[in-house]
Amino acid sequence: MKILLDTNILVHAHNKSSPNQKRASQVIEDAITQKIDACLTAQTIYEFFAVITNPKRVQSPMKLEEAIETCIDFWECREIEKIMPTSNATMDVLKLVKEFKLSKGKIFDCVMAITGKDNMVDCIYTENVDDFEKYDFLTVVDPFAEAK
């Protein structure tokens, strides 16, 4: 089963003040040791950088240099596949935006879902289950659910 890692998994793993830090770090370790078949999108890396360096989003934001190096490490990690939107993704996303009446930042979750679908992803790990449940082509798993 190919698993797309949502941004919040990366953020929790690197946010020392997160109550989910240990579990998120385990997910990342499982991906690196290939206990799970995990993948990331470029969008995930960009979102991670935006969140982890923002003091309004995390209690202990990363310094810019550390955040950049962490992003590079994720992107260069050979054990975690990187997936990209296909040439059909934009139209597929816009059709779903219309169908589901998505607005504002919800389009970014739609882009991630379509990118996963187009790259044969079966599942997404995210704490934002409600944001992805509408995409019936993805199984949505909250890896933190047992801790809540």
N, C-alpha and C. Protein backbone atom coordinates (compact mmCIF):
# COMPACT_ATOMS: atom_id res chain seq x y z
N MET A 1 0.85 -1.18 0.00
CA MET A 1 0.00 0.00 0.00
C MET A 1 0.89 1.24 0.00
N LYS A 2 0.71 2.11 -0.99
CA LYS A 2 1.47 3.36 -1.07
C LYS A 2 0.75 4.43 -0.26
N ILE A 3 1.51 5.09 0.63
CA ILE A 3 0.95 6.05 1.58
C ILE A 3 1.54 7.44 1.33
N LEU A 4 0.64 8.40 1.12
CA LEU A 4 1.05 9.79 0.99
C LEU A 4 1.09 10.41 2.39
N LEU A 5 2.19 11.05 2.72
CA LEU A 5 2.31 11.70 4.02
C LEU A 5 1.88 13.16 3.89
N ASP A 6 0.88 13.55 4.66
CA ASP A 6 0.41 14.92 4.65
C ASP A 6 1.39 15.79 5.43
N THR A 7 1.31 17.07 5.21
CA THR A 7 2.20 18.04 5.83
C THR A 7 2.23 17.93 7.34
N ASN A 8 1.07 17.70 7.95
CA ASN A 8 1.02 17.69 9.43
C ASN A 8 1.86 16.57 10.03
N ILE A 9 2.10 15.50 9.30
CA ILE A 9 2.96 14.42 9.81
C ILE A 9 4.39 14.96 9.96
N LEU A 10 4.88 15.65 8.94
CA LEU A 10 6.22 16.23 8.98
C LEU A 10 6.33 17.31 10.06
N VAL A 11 5.29 18.15 10.16
CA VAL A 11 5.30 19.23 11.15
C VAL A 11 5.36 18.65 12.56
N HIS A 12 4.49 17.69 12.86
CA HIS A 12 4.50 17.10 14.21
C HIS A 12 5.84 16.44 14.52
N ALA A 13 6.43 15.79 13.54
CA ALA A 13 7.70 15.11 13.76
C ALA A 13 8.82 16.08 14.12
N HIS A 14 8.72 17.31 13.64
CA HIS A 14 9.79 18.29 13.87
C HIS A 14 9.41 19.42 14.82
N ASN A 15 8.23 19.34 15.38
CA ASN A 15 7.78 20.34 16.34
C ASN A 15 7.92 19.75 17.74
N LYS A 16 8.99 20.15 18.41
CA LYS A 16 9.31 19.58 19.73
C LYS A 16 8.19 19.76 20.76
N SER A 17 7.33 20.75 20.57
CA SER A 17 6.26 20.98 21.54
C SER A 17 4.97 20.23 21.19
N SER A 18 4.98 19.47 20.10
CA SER A 18 3.78 18.74 19.70
C SER A 18 3.58 17.49 20.55
N PRO A 19 2.35 17.26 21.02
CA PRO A 19 2.07 16.01 21.74
C PRO A 19 2.13 14.80 20.81
N ASN A 20 2.11 15.03 19.51
CA ASN A 20 2.17 13.94 18.52
C ASN A 20 3.57 13.76 17.94
N GLN A 21 4.55 14.41 18.52
CA GLN A 21 5.91 14.37 17.97
C GLN A 21 6.47 12.95 17.91
N LYS A 22 6.30 12.19 18.96
CA LYS A 22 6.86 10.84 19.00
C LYS A 22 6.22 9.95 17.93
N ARG A 23 4.92 9.97 17.82
CA ARG A 23 4.22 9.13 16.84
C ARG A 23 4.56 9.56 15.41
N ALA A 24 4.59 10.88 15.17
CA ALA A 24 4.93 11.37 13.83
C ALA A 24 6.36 10.99 13.46
N SER A 25 7.26 11.09 14.42
CA SER A 25 8.65 10.68 14.17
C SER A 25 8.74 9.20 13.83
N GLN A 26 7.90 8.39 14.47
CA GLN A 26 7.88 6.96 14.18
C GLN A 26 7.39 6.71 12.74
N VAL A 27 6.39 7.46 12.31
CA VAL A 27 5.90 7.33 10.93
C VAL A 27 7.03 7.65 9.94
N ILE A 28 7.75 8.75 10.20
CA ILE A 28 8.86 9.13 9.33
C ILE A 28 9.94 8.04 9.34
N GLU A 29 10.25 7.54 10.52
CA GLU A 29 11.25 6.46 10.62
C GLU A 29 10.78 5.22 9.86
N ASP A 30 9.50 4.88 9.99
CA ASP A 30 8.96 3.73 9.26
C ASP A 30 9.07 3.94 7.75
N ALA A 31 8.92 5.18 7.31
CA ALA A 31 9.06 5.48 5.88
C ALA A 31 10.52 5.34 5.44
N ILE A 32 11.42 5.87 6.22
CA ILE A 32 12.84 5.82 5.87
C ILE A 32 13.37 4.39 5.89
N THR A 33 12.90 3.60 6.85
CA THR A 33 13.34 2.19 6.92
C THR A 33 12.49 1.28 6.04
N GLN A 34 11.57 1.89 5.31
CA GLN A 34 10.70 1.22 4.35
C GLN A 34 9.80 0.15 4.96
N LYS A 35 9.42 0.38 6.23
CA LYS A 35 8.38 -0.45 6.85
C LYS A 35 7.03 -0.09 6.26
N ILE A 36 6.94 1.16 5.78
CA ILE A 36 5.77 1.59 5.02
C ILE A 36 6.27 2.15 3.69
N ASP A 37 5.45 2.05 2.66
CA ASP A 37 5.78 2.56 1.33
C ASP A 37 5.23 3.99 1.25
N ALA A 38 6.06 4.95 1.64
CA ALA A 38 5.60 6.34 1.78
C ALA A 38 6.07 7.20 0.62
N CYS A 39 5.29 8.27 0.40
CA CYS A 39 5.67 9.24 -0.63
C CYS A 39 5.31 10.64 -0.15
N LEU A 40 5.93 11.61 -0.81
CA LEU A 40 5.71 13.03 -0.54
C LEU A 40 5.51 13.77 -1.85
N THR A 41 4.86 14.91 -1.76
CA THR A 41 4.75 15.81 -2.91
C THR A 41 5.61 17.05 -2.63
N ALA A 42 5.95 17.77 -3.68
CA ALA A 42 6.66 19.04 -3.50
C ALA A 42 5.80 19.99 -2.66
N GLN A 43 4.51 19.97 -2.88
CA GLN A 43 3.59 20.81 -2.11
C GLN A 43 3.73 20.55 -0.61
N THR A 44 3.88 19.30 -0.24
CA THR A 44 4.04 18.94 1.17
C THR A 44 5.29 19.60 1.76
N ILE A 45 6.37 19.58 0.99
CA ILE A 45 7.62 20.19 1.45
C ILE A 45 7.44 21.70 1.62
N TYR A 46 6.80 22.34 0.65
CA TYR A 46 6.58 23.79 0.73
C TYR A 46 5.70 24.15 1.93
N GLU A 47 4.62 23.39 2.11
CA GLU A 47 3.72 23.65 3.24
C GLU A 47 4.44 23.43 4.57
N PHE A 48 5.24 22.36 4.64
CA PHE A 48 6.01 22.08 5.86
C PHE A 48 6.90 23.28 6.21
N PHE A 49 7.62 23.78 5.21
CA PHE A 49 8.49 24.94 5.44
C PHE A 49 7.69 26.14 5.95
N ALA A 50 6.55 26.41 5.31
CA ALA A 50 5.72 27.55 5.69
C ALA A 50 5.21 27.44 7.12
N VAL A 51 4.82 26.24 7.53
CA VAL A 51 4.27 26.04 8.87
C VAL A 51 5.37 26.02 9.93
N ILE A 52 6.43 25.25 9.70
CA ILE A 52 7.43 25.01 10.74
C ILE A 52 8.26 26.26 11.05
N THR A 53 8.24 27.25 10.17
CA THR A 53 8.98 28.49 10.42
C THR A 53 8.09 29.63 10.90
N ASN A 54 6.81 29.35 11.08
CA ASN A 54 5.84 30.40 11.42
C ASN A 54 5.48 30.34 12.91
N PRO A 55 5.87 31.35 13.68
CA PRO A 55 5.57 31.34 15.12
C PRO A 55 4.07 31.41 15.42
N LYS A 56 3.26 31.77 14.44
CA LYS A 56 1.81 31.75 14.64
C LYS A 56 1.24 30.35 14.47
N ARG A 57 2.02 29.44 13.90
CA ARG A 57 1.53 28.08 13.61
C ARG A 57 2.13 27.03 14.54
N VAL A 58 3.37 27.25 15.01
CA VAL A 58 4.01 26.30 15.93
C VAL A 58 4.63 27.06 17.09
N GLN A 59 4.64 26.42 18.24
CA GLN A 59 5.14 27.07 19.45
C GLN A 59 6.63 27.36 19.37
N SER A 60 7.39 26.42 18.80
CA SER A 60 8.84 26.59 18.69
C SER A 60 9.24 26.49 17.22
N PRO A 61 9.13 27.58 16.47
CA PRO A 61 9.44 27.51 15.04
C PRO A 61 10.92 27.21 14.78
N MET A 62 11.17 26.54 13.66
CA MET A 62 12.54 26.25 13.26
C MET A 62 13.17 27.52 12.70
N LYS A 63 14.47 27.63 12.89
CA LYS A 63 15.22 28.70 12.23
C LYS A 63 15.23 28.38 10.74
N LEU A 64 15.31 29.42 9.90
CA LEU A 64 15.22 29.24 8.46
C LEU A 64 16.23 28.25 7.92
N GLU A 65 17.49 28.36 8.33
CA GLU A 65 18.53 27.46 7.80
C GLU A 65 18.21 26.00 8.14
N GLU A 66 17.80 25.76 9.38
CA GLU A 66 17.46 24.40 9.79
C GLU A 66 16.27 23.87 9.00
N ALA A 67 15.28 24.73 8.79
CA ALA A 67 14.10 24.32 8.04
C ALA A 67 14.46 23.99 6.59
N ILE A 68 15.30 24.82 5.98
CA ILE A 68 15.73 24.56 4.61
C ILE A 68 16.46 23.23 4.53
N GLU A 69 17.39 23.00 5.45
CA GLU A 69 18.15 21.74 5.45
C GLU A 69 17.23 20.53 5.66
N THR A 70 16.24 20.69 6.51
CA THR A 70 15.29 19.60 6.75
C THR A 70 14.50 19.31 5.48
N CYS A 71 14.07 20.37 4.80
CA CYS A 71 13.33 20.19 3.53
C CYS A 71 14.20 19.49 2.49
N ILE A 72 15.45 19.91 2.40
CA ILE A 72 16.37 19.28 1.45
C ILE A 72 16.56 17.81 1.81
N ASP A 73 16.71 17.53 3.09
CA ASP A 73 16.87 16.12 3.53
C ASP A 73 15.66 15.29 3.12
N PHE A 74 14.46 15.82 3.33
CA PHE A 74 13.26 15.08 2.92
C PHE A 74 13.25 14.86 1.42
N TRP A 75 13.57 15.91 0.68
CA TRP A 75 13.50 15.82 -0.78
C TRP A 75 14.56 14.87 -1.33
N GLU A 76 15.71 14.81 -0.70
CA GLU A 76 16.79 13.94 -1.19
C GLU A 76 16.72 12.53 -0.63
N CYS A 77 15.83 12.28 0.30
CA CYS A 77 15.70 10.95 0.90
C CYS A 77 15.21 9.95 -0.15
N ARG A 78 16.05 9.02 -0.51
CA ARG A 78 15.73 8.05 -1.56
C ARG A 78 14.66 7.04 -1.14
N GLU A 79 14.53 6.84 0.14
CA GLU A 79 13.59 5.83 0.64
C GLU A 79 12.14 6.29 0.59
N ILE A 80 11.93 7.60 0.49
CA ILE A 80 10.58 8.15 0.41
C ILE A 80 10.39 8.67 -1.01
N GLU A 81 9.47 8.05 -1.75
CA GLU A 81 9.23 8.44 -3.13
C GLU A 81 8.65 9.85 -3.22
N LYS A 82 9.02 10.58 -4.25
CA LYS A 82 8.45 11.90 -4.51
C LYS A 82 7.51 11.77 -5.70
N ILE A 83 6.31 12.30 -5.55
CA ILE A 83 5.33 12.22 -6.63
C ILE A 83 4.95 13.63 -7.08
N MET A 84 4.58 13.73 -8.34
CA MET A 84 4.27 15.03 -8.95
C MET A 84 2.88 15.01 -9.57
N PRO A 85 2.26 16.18 -9.66
CA PRO A 85 0.98 16.26 -10.39
C PRO A 85 1.21 15.90 -11.86
N THR A 86 0.23 15.29 -12.47
CA THR A 86 0.30 14.97 -13.89
C THR A 86 -0.21 16.16 -14.70
N SER A 87 -0.12 16.05 -16.02
CA SER A 87 -0.61 17.12 -16.88
C SER A 87 -2.13 17.28 -16.80
N ASN A 88 -2.83 16.24 -16.35
CA ASN A 88 -4.30 16.31 -16.21
C ASN A 88 -4.75 16.85 -14.85
N ALA A 89 -3.82 17.01 -13.94
CA ALA A 89 -4.17 17.34 -12.55
C ALA A 89 -4.96 18.64 -12.42
N THR A 90 -4.57 19.67 -13.13
CA THR A 90 -5.25 20.96 -12.97
C THR A 90 -6.73 20.85 -13.30
N MET A 91 -7.05 20.23 -14.42
CA MET A 91 -8.47 20.09 -14.79
C MET A 91 -9.21 19.19 -13.81
N ASP A 92 -8.56 18.11 -13.38
CA ASP A 92 -9.20 17.21 -12.41
C ASP A 92 -9.48 17.94 -11.09
N VAL A 93 -8.52 18.74 -10.66
CA VAL A 93 -8.69 19.51 -9.42
C VAL A 93 -9.84 20.50 -9.59
N LEU A 94 -9.85 21.23 -10.68
CA LEU A 94 -10.90 22.24 -10.88
C LEU A 94 -12.29 21.61 -10.97
N LYS A 95 -12.39 20.43 -11.56
CA LYS A 95 -13.67 19.72 -11.60
C LYS A 95 -14.14 19.35 -10.19
N LEU A 96 -13.21 18.88 -9.36
CA LEU A 96 -13.58 18.52 -7.99
C LEU A 96 -13.88 19.75 -7.14
N VAL A 97 -13.15 20.83 -7.38
CA VAL A 97 -13.44 22.09 -6.66
C VAL A 97 -14.88 22.50 -6.94
N LYS A 98 -15.27 22.39 -8.19
CA LYS A 98 -16.65 22.73 -8.57
C LYS A 98 -17.64 21.75 -7.95
N GLU A 99 -17.36 20.46 -8.11
CA GLU A 99 -18.27 19.43 -7.60
C GLU A 99 -18.47 19.52 -6.09
N PHE A 100 -17.39 19.71 -5.35
CA PHE A 100 -17.46 19.74 -3.89
C PHE A 100 -17.63 21.15 -3.33
N LYS A 101 -17.67 22.14 -4.22
CA LYS A 101 -17.81 23.55 -3.80
C LYS A 101 -16.72 23.93 -2.79
N LEU A 102 -15.49 23.59 -3.13
CA LEU A 102 -14.36 23.88 -2.27
C LEU A 102 -14.00 25.36 -2.39
N SER A 103 -13.50 25.91 -1.31
CA SER A 103 -13.07 27.31 -1.34
C SER A 103 -11.78 27.47 -0.54
N LYS A 104 -11.17 28.60 -0.75
CA LYS A 104 -9.96 29.00 -0.02
C LYS A 104 -8.88 27.94 -0.09
N GLY A 105 -8.28 27.64 1.04
CA GLY A 105 -7.16 26.70 1.09
C GLY A 105 -7.53 25.25 0.85
N LYS A 106 -8.81 24.94 0.78
CA LYS A 106 -9.23 23.54 0.54
C LYS A 106 -8.75 23.03 -0.81
N ILE A 107 -8.46 23.96 -1.73
CA ILE A 107 -7.97 23.54 -3.04
C ILE A 107 -6.63 22.80 -2.91
N PHE A 108 -5.82 23.17 -1.93
CA PHE A 108 -4.52 22.53 -1.78
C PHE A 108 -4.64 21.07 -1.35
N ASP A 109 -5.63 20.76 -0.52
CA ASP A 109 -5.89 19.36 -0.17
C ASP A 109 -6.35 18.60 -1.40
N CYS A 110 -7.14 19.25 -2.23
CA CYS A 110 -7.63 18.64 -3.47
C CYS A 110 -6.46 18.34 -4.41
N VAL A 111 -5.54 19.28 -4.54
CA VAL A 111 -4.35 19.06 -5.37
C VAL A 111 -3.57 17.85 -4.85
N MET A 112 -3.41 17.77 -3.54
CA MET A 112 -2.68 16.65 -2.96
C MET A 112 -3.40 15.33 -3.23
N ALA A 113 -4.71 15.33 -3.07
CA ALA A 113 -5.50 14.11 -3.31
C ALA A 113 -5.38 13.67 -4.76
N ILE A 114 -5.53 14.59 -5.69
CA ILE A 114 -5.43 14.25 -7.12
C ILE A 114 -4.02 13.80 -7.47
N THR A 115 -3.01 14.45 -6.92
CA THR A 115 -1.63 14.03 -7.17
C THR A 115 -1.43 12.60 -6.68
N GLY A 116 -2.00 12.29 -5.52
CA GLY A 116 -1.93 10.92 -5.02
C GLY A 116 -2.62 9.94 -5.95
N LYS A 117 -3.83 10.27 -6.34
CA LYS A 117 -4.60 9.39 -7.22
C LYS A 117 -3.85 9.12 -8.52
N ASP A 118 -3.31 10.16 -9.12
CA ASP A 118 -2.61 10.03 -10.39
C ASP A 118 -1.30 9.24 -10.28
N ASN A 119 -0.81 9.07 -9.05
CA ASN A 119 0.44 8.34 -8.82
C ASN A 119 0.21 7.04 -8.06
N MET A 120 -1.02 6.52 -8.17
CA MET A 120 -1.36 5.20 -7.62
C MET A 120 -1.19 5.11 -6.09
N VAL A 121 -1.46 6.22 -5.41
CA VAL A 121 -1.43 6.22 -3.95
C VAL A 121 -2.74 5.63 -3.46
N ASP A 122 -2.66 4.78 -2.45
CA ASP A 122 -3.83 4.11 -1.88
C ASP A 122 -4.39 4.84 -0.66
N CYS A 123 -3.50 5.53 0.06
CA CYS A 123 -3.85 6.00 1.40
C CYS A 123 -3.12 7.31 1.69
N ILE A 124 -3.71 8.13 2.52
CA ILE A 124 -3.03 9.33 3.02
C ILE A 124 -3.02 9.28 4.54
N TYR A 125 -1.86 9.55 5.13
CA TYR A 125 -1.74 9.71 6.57
C TYR A 125 -1.88 11.19 6.87
N THR A 126 -2.89 11.55 7.65
CA THR A 126 -3.14 12.93 8.01
C THR A 126 -3.97 12.99 9.29
N GLU A 127 -3.81 14.07 10.04
CA GLU A 127 -4.70 14.26 11.18
C GLU A 127 -5.97 14.98 10.74
N ASN A 128 -5.96 15.50 9.52
CA ASN A 128 -7.10 16.25 8.99
C ASN A 128 -8.01 15.32 8.18
N VAL A 129 -8.56 14.35 8.82
CA VAL A 129 -9.37 13.33 8.17
C VAL A 129 -10.53 13.95 7.40
N ASP A 130 -11.21 14.90 8.00
CA ASP A 130 -12.37 15.52 7.35
C ASP A 130 -12.03 16.18 6.01
N ASP A 131 -10.80 16.66 5.88
CA ASP A 131 -10.39 17.33 4.64
C ASP A 131 -10.24 16.37 3.46
N PHE A 132 -10.08 15.09 3.75
CA PHE A 132 -9.79 14.12 2.69
C PHE A 132 -10.85 13.03 2.53
N GLU A 133 -11.79 12.93 3.46
CA GLU A 133 -12.80 11.86 3.39
C GLU A 133 -13.64 11.91 2.12
N LYS A 134 -13.82 13.07 1.55
CA LYS A 134 -14.66 13.21 0.35
C LYS A 134 -14.03 12.56 -0.88
N TYR A 135 -12.73 12.31 -0.83
CA TYR A 135 -12.03 11.71 -1.97
C TYR A 135 -12.08 10.20 -1.83
N ASP A 136 -13.10 9.59 -2.43
CA ASP A 136 -13.34 8.16 -2.22
C ASP A 136 -12.29 7.26 -2.85
N PHE A 137 -11.36 7.83 -3.58
CA PHE A 137 -10.26 7.07 -4.17
C PHE A 137 -9.07 6.95 -3.22
N LEU A 138 -9.16 7.57 -2.04
CA LEU A 138 -8.10 7.50 -1.04
C LEU A 138 -8.65 6.96 0.28
N THR A 139 -7.89 6.09 0.91
CA THR A 139 -8.18 5.70 2.28
C THR A 139 -7.49 6.73 3.18
N VAL A 140 -8.22 7.25 4.15
CA VAL A 140 -7.67 8.29 5.02
C VAL A 140 -7.42 7.69 6.39
N VAL A 141 -6.18 7.83 6.86
CA VAL A 141 -5.78 7.28 8.17
C VAL A 141 -5.18 8.39 9.02
N ASP A 142 -5.68 8.53 10.22
CA ASP A 142 -5.10 9.44 11.20
C ASP A 142 -4.18 8.62 12.09
N PRO A 143 -2.86 8.74 11.90
CA PRO A 143 -1.93 7.93 12.69
C PRO A 143 -1.89 8.34 14.17
N PHE A 144 -2.53 9.46 14.50
CA PHE A 144 -2.56 9.92 15.88
C PHE A 144 -3.86 9.54 16.59
N ALA A 145 -4.78 8.91 15.89
CA ALA A 145 -6.11 8.63 16.43
C ALA A 145 -6.07 7.85 17.74
N GLU A 146 -5.18 6.89 17.84
CA GLU A 146 -5.13 6.09 19.07
C GLU A 146 -4.64 6.89 20.26
N ALA A 147 -3.93 8.00 20.00
CA ALA A 147 -3.41 8.83 21.10
C ALA A 147 -4.43 9.87 21.55
N LYS A 148 -5.51 10.03 20.79
CA LYS A 148 -6.49 11.08 21.11
C LYS A 148 -7.55 10.59 22.07
